[in-house]
Amino acid sequence: MREVLELFVQERIVVVLKARQLGLTWLALHFAFWLMGFDPELVRAKVLAVSKTESDANKLLRRLRRINDLLPRFLRFAEDSD
């Protein structure tokens, strides 16, 4: 996983073909959340998540919302769009 995280940091675009149950989706979502809100070099970054179906894409959005909800109140972001 460390190698993948290092790729996320080094490369602008990372495409991964992966098996299930590796934890890579959670890693990517946490990294995306950090980019969108905490990276000092990127103000209000936009992240594209591509899924096979709309249902799968909605699951990713729900996971991102859950990440935000679990943060202490002073670190949470107000949602302004889907």
Protein backbone atom coordinates (compact mmCIF):
# COMPACT_ATOMS: atom_id res chain seq x y z
CA MET A 1 0.00 0.00 0.00
CA ARG A 2 2.85 2.37 0.73
CA GLU A 3 4.00 2.16 -2.89
CA VAL A 4 0.53 3.05 -4.13
CA LEU A 5 0.29 6.02 -1.76
CA GLU A 6 3.68 7.22 -3.00
CA LEU A 7 2.38 6.99 -6.58
CA PHE A 8 -0.67 9.05 -5.59
CA VAL A 9 1.66 11.74 -4.26
CA GLN A 10 4.08 11.68 -7.22
CA GLU A 11 1.74 11.33 -10.20
CA ARG A 12 -1.07 13.59 -11.34
CA ILE A 13 -3.14 10.70 -12.74
CA VAL A 14 -3.13 7.14 -11.42
CA VAL A 15 -5.22 4.38 -13.01
CA VAL A 16 -5.44 1.11 -11.11
CA LEU A 17 -6.88 -2.22 -12.19
CA LYS A 18 -7.29 -4.10 -8.95
CA ALA A 19 -8.89 -7.04 -7.27
CA ARG A 20 -11.49 -6.63 -4.54
CA GLN A 21 -10.90 -6.44 -0.80
CA LEU A 22 -7.44 -4.86 -0.92
CA GLY A 23 -8.31 -1.63 0.88
CA LEU A 24 -7.12 0.38 -2.09
CA THR A 25 -10.46 2.13 -2.57
CA TRP A 26 -10.40 3.40 1.02
CA LEU A 27 -6.80 4.56 0.60
CA ALA A 28 -7.70 6.42 -2.59
CA LEU A 29 -10.76 8.01 -0.97
CA HIS A 30 -8.79 9.22 2.05
CA PHE A 31 -6.08 10.61 -0.21
CA ALA A 32 -8.72 12.33 -2.38
CA PHE A 33 -10.34 13.80 0.73
CA TRP A 34 -6.98 15.14 1.88
CA LEU A 35 -6.35 16.67 -1.56
CA MET A 36 -9.75 18.34 -1.61
CA GLY A 37 -9.41 19.91 1.80
CA PHE A 38 -5.98 19.82 3.34
CA ASP A 39 -3.28 19.98 0.67
CA PRO A 40 -1.81 23.50 0.98
CA GLU A 41 -0.74 23.54 -2.68
CA LEU A 42 -4.21 22.77 -4.06
CA VAL A 43 -7.04 25.06 -3.13
CA ARG A 44 -10.40 23.31 -3.47
CA ALA A 45 -9.05 20.48 -5.62
CA LYS A 46 -11.49 18.47 -7.70
CA VAL A 47 -11.28 14.68 -7.80
CA LEU A 48 -12.89 12.41 -10.39
CA ALA A 49 -13.99 8.96 -9.26
CA VAL A 50 -15.05 6.60 -12.03
CA SER A 51 -17.15 3.51 -11.37
CA LYS A 52 -18.87 0.86 -13.46
CA THR A 53 -22.35 1.91 -12.37
CA GLU A 54 -24.09 4.92 -10.87
CA SER A 55 -24.79 2.82 -7.79
CA ASP A 56 -21.06 2.13 -7.32
CA ALA A 57 -20.29 5.84 -7.75
CA ASN A 58 -22.89 6.70 -5.12
CA LYS A 59 -21.21 4.25 -2.73
CA LEU A 60 -17.94 6.16 -3.18
CA LEU A 61 -19.69 9.44 -2.38
CA ARG A 62 -21.26 7.91 0.73
CA ARG A 63 -17.83 6.71 1.85
CA LEU A 64 -16.38 10.21 1.38
CA ARG A 65 -19.23 11.69 3.39
CA ARG A 66 -18.57 9.14 6.14
CA ILE A 67 -14.87 10.09 6.23
CA ASN A 68 -15.94 13.72 6.69
CA ASP A 69 -18.50 12.83 9.37
CA LEU A 70 -15.89 10.97 11.43
CA LEU A 71 -13.58 13.98 11.63
CA PRO A 72 -13.67 16.27 14.65
CA ARG A 73 -16.24 19.02 14.11
CA PHE A 74 -13.64 21.75 13.56
CA LEU A 75 -12.08 19.80 10.64
CA ARG A 76 -15.29 18.87 8.83
CA PHE A 77 -16.24 20.42 5.52
CA ALA A 78 -19.65 21.70 4.59
CA GLU A 79 -20.94 19.93 1.50
CA ASP A 80 -21.75 22.31 -1.34
CA SER A 81 -22.47 19.88 -4.21
CA ASP A 82 -22.62 16.22 -5.23
